[in-house]
């Protein structure tokens, strides 16, 4: 098999002529929705006006550097309402390159390209009876959505088959951004009765703030650090000078507390989560959670990754103090063991972390690199800046520590949000999510009026007779149409100049495709 790569198409005549030649091939036309050959001038207008709307841009398929085909993408909504960007894909192979397996190779090679463009879902629409393309998309791993109808540009309603491939697992694309209120070890007050009361109070605060889940931590000191691990410098600087093993022993959550907190969370209308730090912790937690969490320092723990994959539940995996190679290994291990529905969390292993250290730009970068949902585990003290910025960059989950009061004893209270701040954070996350809107640049519903009224087109300066020569400044110009019909984009003016009108055009009317020859 030759080396497969892509070349971005450009809105130039030579690229349009190459694509049109392949498109007008009789075998391609027989499988197409529009089965009539197109003339170049009309196709060029279509190519320039429609093929470069949104992303991804169309590409030539290359085999060993030679053009052998063409892929076009068109933004479309998700059939089941999942968030993220979805696109339709169509592929044309040059007649001389058919029968070599290049179409399937091109579809598979397109997947990392589409992930890098931020695409989550790919669709294909085929005419009923197009058996070759049906086999192609099935072989490339696309799932059938069943028959439907499509109105093509000829006005015909054609029966079609629809296929879909999800590039990003669906759980993290269902509904709103998933907010995790991280109670962590902040439930611990030093006496069992008070511990239980504090845990319940934290659950109530998280539910009242509108978070989707409340998360605790479950560990045993002997399965986390070596026995002689010593003191943590950052905790010692904060005045907590015990050995880390003693701190973990004091904050260790009893397994028997898990069902009680999980049940109380359910009754408060919020999901219960807890991070496990060993296989035994994981086994204790698993019956009570719908979603698992793997902490930053555990994303290299092969036994935990394997158990998380085998559990068959969505997984949140933090990436603090991890580089690209460590994350790549963890993702591939998780996938190899059957894991799905993974959300990586950009995280800075500092408590508290400065805003400058958060690296929010890593969120889209990890999304593109690993093809999974990405969120933010935010250790900064600020309640709004990083979560809102993360949502704007496409985060699908936000995790933030919180407490009842910053002066309570323990390592995680000082940098945690207060109840009012947690409520503020959740509200701002929801507002940012609403403002983020569509993943493709488009003319939105609220813009339609002014787009038609004020966006410039090529308009008639006066009444024009059929056959009259069109000239800028004499009978046509680039103007805002107001209540008149908007003409073609101003970029067509140089093609219109000197051409002849093919119909009578009223004063003020906009020139439409086909109005000049």
Protein backbone atom coordinates (compact mmCIF):
# COMPACT_ATOMS: atom_id res chain seq x y z
CA UNK A 1 0.00 0.00 0.00
CA UNK A 2 1.42 3.43 -0.91
CA UNK A 3 1.91 6.16 1.67
CA UNK A 4 -1.37 8.04 2.15
CA UNK A 5 -1.38 11.79 2.83
CA UNK A 6 -3.52 14.85 2.11
CA UNK A 7 -3.15 18.18 0.33
CA UNK A 8 -5.46 21.07 1.18
CA UNK A 9 -7.56 22.21 -1.75
CA UNK A 10 -7.60 25.88 -2.68
CA UNK A 11 -10.27 28.01 -4.32
CA UNK A 12 -8.38 28.23 -7.62
CA UNK A 13 -9.33 27.22 -11.16
CA UNK A 14 -6.79 24.40 -11.45
CA UNK A 15 -8.05 22.61 -8.34
CA UNK A 16 -11.67 23.05 -9.42
CA UNK A 17 -10.91 21.64 -12.90
CA UNK A 18 -9.22 18.57 -11.43
CA UNK A 19 -12.14 17.85 -9.09
CA UNK A 20 -14.72 18.46 -11.83
CA UNK A 21 -12.96 16.04 -14.19
CA UNK A 22 -13.21 13.28 -11.58
CA UNK A 23 -16.75 14.27 -10.65
CA UNK A 24 -17.94 14.17 -14.30
CA UNK A 25 -16.53 10.68 -14.85
CA UNK A 26 -19.48 8.41 -15.85
CA UNK A 27 -18.84 5.88 -13.06
CA UNK A 28 -18.76 8.66 -10.44
CA UNK A 29 -21.92 10.26 -11.85
CA UNK A 30 -23.75 6.93 -11.71
CA UNK A 31 -23.16 6.77 -7.94
CA UNK A 32 -23.81 10.47 -7.27
CA UNK A 33 -26.95 12.28 -6.17
CA UNK A 34 -26.58 14.71 -9.08
CA UNK A 35 -26.12 12.45 -12.12
CA UNK A 36 -25.73 15.09 -14.80
CA UNK A 37 -22.30 16.46 -15.82
CA UNK A 38 -21.64 20.04 -14.74
CA UNK A 39 -20.06 22.77 -16.84
CA UNK A 40 -16.96 24.40 -15.43
CA UNK A 41 -18.22 27.97 -14.97
CA UNK A 42 -21.28 26.87 -12.98
CA UNK A 43 -19.24 24.34 -10.97
CA UNK A 44 -16.57 26.92 -10.18
CA UNK A 45 -19.18 29.19 -8.59
CA UNK A 46 -20.46 26.26 -6.51
CA UNK A 47 -16.92 25.20 -5.60
CA UNK A 48 -15.84 28.64 -4.42
CA UNK A 49 -19.10 29.43 -2.61
CA UNK A 50 -19.84 26.10 -0.91
CA UNK A 51 -16.79 23.85 -0.63
CA UNK A 52 -14.88 26.10 1.77
CA UNK A 53 -17.68 26.87 4.23
CA UNK A 54 -16.51 26.00 7.75
CA UNK A 55 -13.99 23.31 8.56
CA UNK A 56 -12.56 20.92 7.62
CA UNK A 57 -11.57 22.23 4.22
CA UNK A 58 -11.64 19.83 1.26
CA UNK A 59 -8.48 17.86 0.56
CA UNK A 60 -6.86 15.92 -2.25
CA UNK A 61 -6.02 12.33 -1.37
CA UNK A 62 -2.38 11.58 -2.15
CA UNK A 63 -0.77 8.18 -2.68
CA UNK A 64 3.03 8.44 -2.54
CA UNK A 65 2.59 12.17 -3.15
CA UNK A 66 0.40 11.75 -6.26
CA UNK A 67 -3.19 13.02 -6.38
CA UNK A 68 -5.52 10.04 -6.58
CA UNK A 69 -8.76 11.38 -5.14
CA UNK A 70 -10.69 14.07 -3.36
CA UNK A 71 -12.50 14.31 0.00
CA UNK A 72 -15.14 16.91 0.78
CA UNK A 73 -16.61 17.69 4.22
CA UNK A 74 -19.85 19.49 5.10
CA UNK A 75 -20.86 20.49 8.66
CA UNK A 76 -24.09 18.94 9.91
CA UNK A 77 -25.94 18.43 13.20
CA UNK A 78 -25.60 15.22 15.20
CA UNK A 79 -28.51 12.85 14.61
CA UNK A 80 -28.87 12.10 18.33
CA UNK A 81 -28.12 15.60 19.62
CA UNK A 82 -24.62 14.90 20.99
CA UNK A 83 -22.35 17.89 21.49
CA UNK A 84 -19.25 18.41 19.40
CA UNK A 85 -18.65 18.93 15.70
CA UNK A 86 -20.08 16.58 13.08
CA UNK A 87 -19.36 16.47 9.37
CA UNK A 88 -20.51 14.64 6.29
CA UNK A 89 -17.74 13.04 4.22
CA UNK A 90 -17.75 12.25 0.51
CA UNK A 91 -14.87 10.69 -1.42
CA UNK A 92 -14.12 10.50 -5.13
CA UNK A 93 -11.27 8.37 -6.49
CA UNK A 94 -9.64 9.18 -9.82
CA UNK A 95 -10.69 6.65 -12.50
CA UNK A 96 -7.13 5.47 -13.06
CA UNK A 97 -6.61 4.84 -9.32
CA UNK A 98 -9.66 2.67 -8.66
CA UNK A 99 -9.46 -0.93 -7.52
CA UNK A 100 -6.32 -0.39 -5.44
CA UNK A 101 -7.92 -0.04 -1.97
CA UNK A 102 -7.20 3.68 -1.87
CA UNK A 103 -10.73 4.73 -0.93
CA UNK A 104 -10.74 2.68 2.28
CA UNK A 105 -7.18 3.74 3.06
CA UNK A 106 -8.21 7.35 2.53
CA UNK A 107 -11.21 7.09 4.84
CA UNK A 108 -9.11 5.55 7.61
CA UNK A 109 -6.31 8.08 7.15
CA UNK A 110 -8.89 10.88 7.30
CA UNK A 111 -9.79 10.04 10.89
CA UNK A 112 -6.70 11.53 12.62
CA UNK A 113 -6.93 14.47 10.22
CA UNK A 114 -10.55 15.06 11.27
CA UNK A 115 -9.73 14.65 14.97
CA UNK A 116 -7.03 17.28 14.56
CA UNK A 117 -9.72 19.54 13.07
CA UNK A 118 -11.89 19.00 16.16
CA UNK A 119 -14.42 16.69 14.49
CA UNK A 120 -16.23 14.21 16.75
CA UNK A 121 -18.64 12.49 14.34
CA UNK A 122 -18.42 11.61 10.63
CA UNK A 123 -21.42 10.80 8.43
CA UNK A 124 -21.74 9.36 4.95
CA UNK A 125 -24.88 9.53 2.81
CA UNK A 126 -25.23 7.16 -0.16
CA UNK A 127 -27.88 6.52 -2.78
CA UNK A 128 -29.77 3.31 -2.19
CA UNK A 129 -28.28 0.79 -4.62
CA UNK A 130 -24.72 2.16 -4.39
CA UNK A 131 -23.40 -1.22 -3.27
CA UNK A 132 -19.71 -0.43 -3.77
CA UNK A 133 -19.81 2.63 -1.47
CA UNK A 134 -21.91 0.73 1.06
CA UNK A 135 -19.21 -1.97 1.26
CA UNK A 136 -16.53 0.71 1.47
CA UNK A 137 -17.98 2.50 4.51
CA UNK A 138 -18.82 -0.77 6.26
CA UNK A 139 -15.23 -1.95 5.77
CA UNK A 140 -13.98 1.37 7.19
CA UNK A 141 -15.94 0.77 10.41
CA UNK A 142 -18.97 2.99 9.80
CA UNK A 143 -22.29 1.93 11.35
CA UNK A 144 -25.53 2.01 9.41
CA UNK A 145 -28.23 4.43 10.59
CA UNK A 146 -30.83 3.02 8.24
CA UNK A 147 -32.67 4.39 5.20
CA UNK A 148 -33.83 7.97 4.79
CA UNK A 149 -34.57 10.51 2.04
CA UNK A 150 -32.60 13.47 0.80
CA UNK A 151 -33.62 16.32 -1.51
CA UNK A 152 -30.82 16.89 -4.02
CA UNK A 153 -30.14 20.06 -5.99
CA UNK A 154 -32.24 18.79 -8.92
CA UNK A 155 -35.33 18.86 -6.68
CA UNK A 156 -35.52 15.07 -6.60
CA UNK A 157 -36.12 13.30 -3.29
CA UNK A 158 -33.66 10.43 -3.39
CA UNK A 159 -33.74 7.38 -1.07
CA UNK A 160 -30.44 7.18 0.81
CA UNK A 161 -28.51 5.09 3.30
CA UNK A 162 -26.79 6.88 6.19
CA UNK A 163 -23.64 5.71 7.94
CA UNK A 164 -21.92 7.18 10.99
CA UNK A 165 -18.60 6.85 12.79
CA UNK A 166 -18.02 8.38 16.22
CA UNK A 167 -14.43 9.60 16.57
CA UNK A 168 -14.96 10.62 20.19
CA UNK A 169 -16.75 8.32 22.65
CA UNK A 170 -20.32 9.53 23.18
CA UNK A 171 -20.70 9.72 26.99
CA UNK A 172 -18.77 12.95 27.43
CA UNK A 173 -20.70 14.54 24.56
CA UNK A 174 -24.13 13.95 26.07
CA UNK A 175 -25.71 16.95 27.71
CA UNK A 176 -23.90 19.77 29.42
CA UNK A 177 -20.33 20.19 30.66
CA UNK A 178 -19.88 17.75 33.55
CA UNK A 179 -18.96 19.63 36.74
CA UNK A 180 -17.26 17.63 39.50
CA UNK A 181 -17.19 19.20 42.95
CA UNK A 182 -14.03 17.74 44.51
CA UNK A 183 -14.57 17.21 48.24
CA UNK A 184 -11.38 15.15 48.35
CA UNK A 185 -10.24 14.70 51.94
CA UNK A 186 -12.09 17.77 53.23
CA UNK A 187 -14.71 15.57 54.94
CA UNK A 188 -12.19 14.59 57.65
CA UNK A 189 -12.62 16.37 61.01
CA UNK A 190 -11.02 13.75 63.27
CA UNK A 191 -13.98 11.97 64.87
CA UNK A 192 -16.33 9.51 63.05
CA UNK A 193 -19.59 11.24 63.91
CA UNK A 194 -18.31 14.65 62.85
CA UNK A 195 -16.68 13.12 59.74
CA UNK A 196 -20.04 11.76 58.62
CA UNK A 197 -21.77 15.06 59.28
CA UNK A 198 -19.09 16.92 57.33
CA UNK A 199 -19.32 14.51 54.40
CA UNK A 200 -23.08 15.02 54.25
CA UNK A 201 -22.69 18.78 54.45
CA UNK A 202 -20.24 18.72 51.55
CA UNK A 203 -22.67 16.64 49.48
CA UNK A 204 -25.43 19.17 50.19
CA UNK A 205 -23.22 22.09 49.17
CA UNK A 206 -22.21 20.42 45.89
CA UNK A 207 -25.82 19.56 45.05
CA UNK A 208 -27.00 23.05 45.97
CA UNK A 209 -24.33 24.64 43.79
CA UNK A 210 -25.60 22.71 40.75
CA UNK A 211 -22.60 20.41 40.29
CA UNK A 212 -23.18 17.14 38.45
CA UNK A 213 -21.07 15.00 40.79
CA UNK A 214 -19.46 15.15 44.20
CA UNK A 215 -16.14 13.36 44.48
CA UNK A 216 -14.19 12.04 47.45
CA UNK A 217 -10.91 10.11 47.69
CA UNK A 218 -10.44 6.56 48.95
CA UNK A 219 -6.99 5.24 49.85
CA UNK A 220 -4.86 3.36 52.31
CA UNK A 221 -1.45 4.85 53.21
CA UNK A 222 0.42 1.56 52.77
CA UNK A 223 -0.67 1.28 49.11
CA UNK A 224 0.22 4.86 48.13
CA UNK A 225 3.68 5.88 49.37
CA UNK A 226 6.69 3.89 50.48
CA UNK A 227 6.95 3.63 54.26
CA UNK A 228 9.84 6.11 54.51
CA UNK A 229 8.52 8.70 52.02
CA UNK A 230 9.14 11.61 54.41
CA UNK A 231 7.62 15.09 54.31
CA UNK A 232 6.08 16.92 51.37
CA UNK A 233 7.85 20.23 50.83
CA UNK A 234 4.74 22.09 49.69
CA UNK A 235 2.76 20.88 52.73
CA UNK A 236 5.65 21.68 55.09
CA UNK A 237 5.76 25.20 53.66
CA UNK A 238 2.05 25.47 54.52
CA UNK A 239 2.78 24.42 58.10
CA UNK A 240 1.84 20.71 57.78
CA UNK A 241 5.10 19.00 58.73
CA UNK A 242 4.05 15.41 59.36
CA UNK A 243 5.35 12.59 57.20
CA UNK A 244 3.12 12.06 54.17
CA UNK A 245 2.30 8.52 55.33
CA UNK A 246 0.88 9.84 58.59
CA UNK A 247 -1.18 12.44 56.73
CA UNK A 248 -2.63 9.80 54.42
CA UNK A 249 -3.37 7.52 57.36
CA UNK A 250 -5.30 10.29 59.09
CA UNK A 251 -7.31 11.18 55.96
CA UNK A 252 -8.02 7.62 54.89
CA UNK A 253 -11.73 7.10 54.23
CA UNK A 254 -13.18 3.88 55.75
CA UNK A 255 -14.64 1.61 53.09
CA UNK A 256 -17.83 1.27 55.13
CA UNK A 257 -18.46 5.01 54.70
CA UNK A 258 -18.72 4.67 50.90
CA UNK A 259 -22.28 3.23 50.68
CA UNK A 260 -23.56 5.77 53.20
CA UNK A 261 -22.19 8.80 51.29
CA UNK A 262 -23.21 7.30 47.94
CA UNK A 263 -26.78 6.82 49.16
CA UNK A 264 -26.94 10.32 50.61
CA UNK A 265 -25.62 11.76 47.34
CA UNK A 266 -28.33 9.92 45.42
CA UNK A 267 -31.00 11.30 47.74
CA UNK A 268 -29.60 14.80 47.22
CA UNK A 269 -29.82 14.38 43.44
CA UNK A 270 -26.09 14.37 42.67
CA UNK A 271 -23.80 11.64 41.37
CA UNK A 272 -21.30 10.12 43.80
CA UNK A 273 -17.67 9.60 42.78
CA UNK A 274 -14.48 8.66 44.57
CA UNK A 275 -10.89 8.33 43.39
CA UNK A 276 -9.29 5.00 44.19
CA UNK A 277 -5.54 4.72 44.67
CA UNK A 278 -5.11 0.93 44.62
CA UNK A 279 -6.88 -2.10 43.13
CA UNK A 280 -8.48 -2.77 46.53
CA UNK A 281 -9.72 0.84 46.71
CA UNK A 282 -11.10 0.54 43.18
CA UNK A 283 -12.97 -2.66 44.02
CA UNK A 284 -14.50 -1.03 47.09
CA UNK A 285 -15.65 2.02 45.13
CA UNK A 286 -16.91 0.33 41.97
CA UNK A 287 -20.37 -0.79 43.19
CA UNK A 288 -21.31 2.77 44.16
CA UNK A 289 -20.20 4.88 41.18
CA UNK A 290 -21.29 5.39 37.58
CA UNK A 291 -18.05 7.16 36.64
CA UNK A 292 -14.52 6.37 37.78
CA UNK A 293 -11.67 8.80 38.37
CA UNK A 294 -7.94 8.14 38.06
CA UNK A 295 -5.72 10.70 39.79
CA UNK A 296 -2.76 12.32 38.04
CA UNK A 297 -0.11 10.32 39.87
CA UNK A 298 -1.99 7.07 39.19
CA UNK A 299 -2.28 7.39 35.40
CA UNK A 300 0.76 5.16 35.07
CA UNK A 301 -0.62 2.49 37.45
CA UNK A 302 -1.15 -0.37 35.02
CA UNK A 303 -3.38 -2.37 37.40
CA UNK A 304 -5.69 0.58 38.00
CA UNK A 305 -5.94 1.34 34.28
CA UNK A 306 -6.78 -2.28 33.54
CA UNK A 307 -9.48 -2.35 36.23
CA UNK A 308 -10.94 0.92 35.00
CA UNK A 309 -11.13 -0.44 31.45
CA UNK A 310 -12.69 -3.72 32.62
CA UNK A 311 -15.31 -1.87 34.70
CA UNK A 312 -17.05 -0.70 31.52
CA UNK A 313 -17.84 2.73 32.97
CA UNK A 314 -16.77 6.21 31.82
CA UNK A 315 -13.38 7.28 33.18
CA UNK A 316 -11.95 10.67 34.12
CA UNK A 317 -8.13 10.58 34.01
CA UNK A 318 -6.09 13.51 35.29
CA UNK A 319 -2.76 14.38 33.66
CA UNK A 320 -0.89 16.53 36.20
CA UNK A 321 2.90 16.05 36.19
CA UNK A 322 2.53 13.95 33.01
CA UNK A 323 4.05 14.51 29.62
CA UNK A 324 2.82 13.52 26.18
CA UNK A 325 4.50 10.10 26.22
CA UNK A 326 3.04 9.12 29.60
CA UNK A 327 -0.45 10.20 28.58
CA UNK A 328 -0.21 8.42 25.22
CA UNK A 329 0.76 5.18 26.96
CA UNK A 330 -2.11 5.45 29.44
CA UNK A 331 -4.67 6.16 26.70
CA UNK A 332 -3.47 3.29 24.54
CA UNK A 333 -3.39 0.88 27.47
CA UNK A 334 -6.92 1.85 28.44
CA UNK A 335 -8.15 1.36 24.88
CA UNK A 336 -6.27 -1.91 24.44
CA UNK A 337 -8.02 -3.32 27.52
CA UNK A 338 -11.44 -2.39 26.14
CA UNK A 339 -11.92 0.98 27.84
CA UNK A 340 -14.17 3.61 26.24
CA UNK A 341 -15.70 6.94 27.23
CA UNK A 342 -12.44 8.48 28.42
CA UNK A 343 -12.08 12.11 29.44
CA UNK A 344 -8.54 13.36 30.02
CA UNK A 345 -8.22 16.26 32.44
CA UNK A 346 -5.64 18.97 31.90
CA UNK A 347 -4.19 19.45 35.37
CA UNK A 348 -1.29 21.30 36.96
CA UNK A 349 0.19 19.44 39.92
CA UNK A 350 0.48 22.42 42.25
CA UNK A 351 -1.72 23.29 45.24
CA UNK A 352 -2.68 26.05 44.66
CA UNK A 353 -1.60 26.54 41.04
CA UNK A 354 -1.13 30.00 39.58
CA UNK A 355 -3.26 30.99 36.60
CA UNK A 356 -0.08 31.28 34.53
CA UNK A 357 0.69 27.59 35.19
CA UNK A 358 -2.66 26.16 34.06
CA UNK A 359 -1.84 25.80 30.33
CA UNK A 360 -5.46 25.82 29.16
CA UNK A 361 -4.27 25.67 25.55
CA UNK A 362 -3.39 22.04 26.23
CA UNK A 363 -7.12 21.22 26.24
CA UNK A 364 -7.67 21.45 22.45
CA UNK A 365 -4.16 20.12 21.86
CA UNK A 366 -4.87 16.94 23.86
CA UNK A 367 -8.26 16.63 22.20
CA UNK A 368 -6.56 16.64 18.81
CA UNK A 369 -3.63 14.47 19.88
CA UNK A 370 -5.55 11.68 21.60
CA UNK A 371 -9.01 11.87 20.05
CA UNK A 372 -10.84 11.86 23.39
CA UNK A 373 -12.87 14.32 25.41
CA UNK A 374 -10.75 16.66 27.53
CA UNK A 375 -11.60 18.67 30.63
CA UNK A 376 -9.88 20.70 33.35
CA UNK A 377 -8.99 19.75 36.90
CA UNK A 378 -8.34 23.22 38.24
CA UNK A 379 -6.17 23.74 41.34
CA UNK A 380 -6.10 27.53 41.11
CA UNK A 381 -7.81 29.57 43.81
CA UNK A 382 -9.77 31.64 41.28
CA UNK A 383 -13.37 30.38 40.95
CA UNK A 384 -14.14 31.63 37.45
CA UNK A 385 -11.23 32.44 35.12
CA UNK A 386 -9.88 28.97 34.35
CA UNK A 387 -13.22 27.08 34.26
CA UNK A 388 -14.76 29.63 31.89
CA UNK A 389 -11.64 29.67 29.71
CA UNK A 390 -11.58 25.88 29.63
CA UNK A 391 -15.21 25.67 28.52
CA UNK A 392 -14.51 28.18 25.75
CA UNK A 393 -11.67 25.92 24.59
CA UNK A 394 -13.92 22.87 24.45
CA UNK A 395 -13.61 21.30 27.92
CA UNK A 396 -16.25 18.66 28.56
CA UNK A 397 -15.66 18.38 32.31
CA UNK A 398 -14.57 20.77 35.07
CA UNK A 399 -13.28 19.59 38.45
CA UNK A 400 -12.61 21.94 41.36
CA UNK A 401 -11.83 21.46 45.06
CA UNK A 402 -14.23 23.04 47.52
CA UNK A 403 -14.72 23.25 51.27
CA UNK A 404 -17.05 24.75 53.84
CA UNK A 405 -14.36 27.17 55.05
CA UNK A 406 -10.76 27.88 54.04
CA UNK A 407 -9.54 27.99 57.66
CA UNK A 408 -10.47 24.38 58.49
CA UNK A 409 -7.52 22.09 59.36
CA UNK A 410 -6.19 19.82 56.61
CA UNK A 411 -4.04 20.06 53.47
CA UNK A 412 -6.76 20.88 50.91
CA UNK A 413 -8.96 23.50 52.59
CA UNK A 414 -6.81 26.58 52.01
CA UNK A 415 -6.91 26.52 48.20
CA UNK A 416 -10.46 25.15 47.86
CA UNK A 417 -13.52 27.18 46.86
CA UNK A 418 -16.07 28.24 49.44
CA UNK A 419 -19.74 27.27 48.91
CA UNK A 420 -20.62 30.65 47.41
CA UNK A 421 -17.63 30.48 45.07
CA UNK A 422 -18.56 26.98 43.95
CA UNK A 423 -22.07 28.17 43.13
CA UNK A 424 -20.61 31.12 41.20
CA UNK A 425 -18.28 28.80 39.28
CA UNK A 426 -21.07 26.46 38.21
CA UNK A 427 -23.22 29.39 37.07
CA UNK A 428 -20.38 30.87 35.02
CA UNK A 429 -19.57 27.47 33.49
CA UNK A 430 -23.18 27.18 32.33
CA UNK A 431 -23.12 30.71 30.90
CA UNK A 432 -19.82 30.03 29.10
CA UNK A 433 -21.25 26.81 27.73
CA UNK A 434 -24.24 28.67 26.35
CA UNK A 435 -22.05 31.35 24.80
CA UNK A 436 -19.72 28.80 23.20
CA UNK A 437 -22.47 27.69 20.81
CA UNK A 438 -21.77 25.97 17.52
CA UNK A 439 -18.41 24.45 16.63
CA UNK A 440 -18.61 25.77 13.07
CA UNK A 441 -18.61 29.42 11.97
CA UNK A 442 -22.05 30.12 10.55
CA UNK A 443 -24.64 32.82 10.08
CA UNK A 444 -26.75 32.33 13.18
CA UNK A 445 -30.49 32.85 13.49
CA UNK A 446 -30.03 36.22 15.21
CA UNK A 447 -27.85 37.43 12.30
CA UNK A 448 -30.18 36.46 9.44
CA UNK A 449 -31.96 39.81 9.15
CA UNK A 450 -28.83 41.95 8.86
CA UNK A 451 -27.01 39.34 6.77
CA UNK A 452 -29.73 39.74 4.13
CA UNK A 453 -30.11 43.51 4.56
CA UNK A 454 -26.55 44.78 4.96
CA UNK A 455 -24.04 42.21 3.69
CA UNK A 456 -22.76 43.44 0.34
CA UNK A 457 -23.40 41.67 -2.94
CA UNK A 458 -23.10 42.44 -6.65
CA UNK A 459 -26.20 44.59 -7.28
CA UNK A 460 -27.67 46.23 -10.38
CA UNK A 461 -27.14 50.03 -10.38
CA UNK A 462 -29.99 50.43 -12.90
CA UNK A 463 -32.25 48.28 -15.01
CA UNK A 464 -30.19 45.92 -17.19
CA UNK A 465 -31.43 44.31 -20.41
CA UNK A 466 -30.66 40.70 -21.32
CA UNK A 467 -27.51 40.65 -23.50
CA UNK A 468 -26.17 43.93 -22.08
CA UNK A 469 -22.49 44.00 -21.15
CA UNK A 470 -21.94 44.11 -17.39
CA UNK A 471 -19.50 46.73 -16.16
CA UNK A 472 -18.51 47.80 -12.65
CA UNK A 473 -19.66 51.34 -11.83
CA UNK A 474 -21.88 51.51 -14.91
CA UNK A 475 -24.62 48.97 -14.36
CA UNK A 476 -23.35 46.80 -11.46
CA UNK A 477 -21.45 47.48 -8.25
CA UNK A 478 -20.70 46.13 -4.77
CA UNK A 479 -23.53 47.43 -2.57
CA UNK A 480 -25.65 46.55 0.43
CA UNK A 481 -29.01 45.26 -0.85
CA UNK A 482 -31.35 46.52 1.87
CA UNK A 483 -34.81 45.13 1.05
CA UNK A 484 -33.71 44.03 -2.44
CA UNK A 485 -32.49 40.53 -3.21
CA UNK A 486 -28.84 40.12 -2.34
CA UNK A 487 -26.51 39.28 -5.19
CA UNK A 488 -23.55 36.93 -5.41
CA UNK A 489 -20.49 37.54 -3.26
CA UNK A 490 -18.32 40.49 -4.36
CA UNK A 491 -15.50 38.08 -5.19
CA UNK A 492 -17.38 37.25 -8.42
CA UNK A 493 -17.19 40.84 -9.70
CA UNK A 494 -14.03 40.24 -11.73
CA UNK A 495 -15.68 37.26 -13.45
CA UNK A 496 -18.82 39.31 -14.15
CA UNK A 497 -16.91 42.27 -15.59
CA UNK A 498 -17.35 42.29 -19.37
CA UNK A 499 -19.75 39.35 -19.43
CA UNK A 500 -23.26 39.58 -20.86
CA UNK A 501 -26.44 39.51 -18.81
CA UNK A 502 -28.52 36.39 -19.49
CA UNK A 503 -31.80 37.95 -18.28
CA UNK A 504 -33.44 41.28 -17.64
CA UNK A 505 -32.30 42.50 -14.20
CA UNK A 506 -34.28 45.12 -12.30
CA UNK A 507 -32.59 48.12 -10.69
CA UNK A 508 -31.28 47.18 -7.25
CA UNK A 509 -31.68 43.44 -7.82
CA UNK A 510 -28.73 41.22 -6.97
CA UNK A 511 -27.01 39.17 -9.67
CA UNK A 512 -27.49 35.44 -9.16
CA UNK A 513 -25.41 32.50 -10.43
CA UNK A 514 -26.17 32.04 -14.12
CA UNK A 515 -27.09 35.71 -14.68
CA UNK A 516 -23.97 36.28 -16.79
CA UNK A 517 -22.23 34.41 -19.59
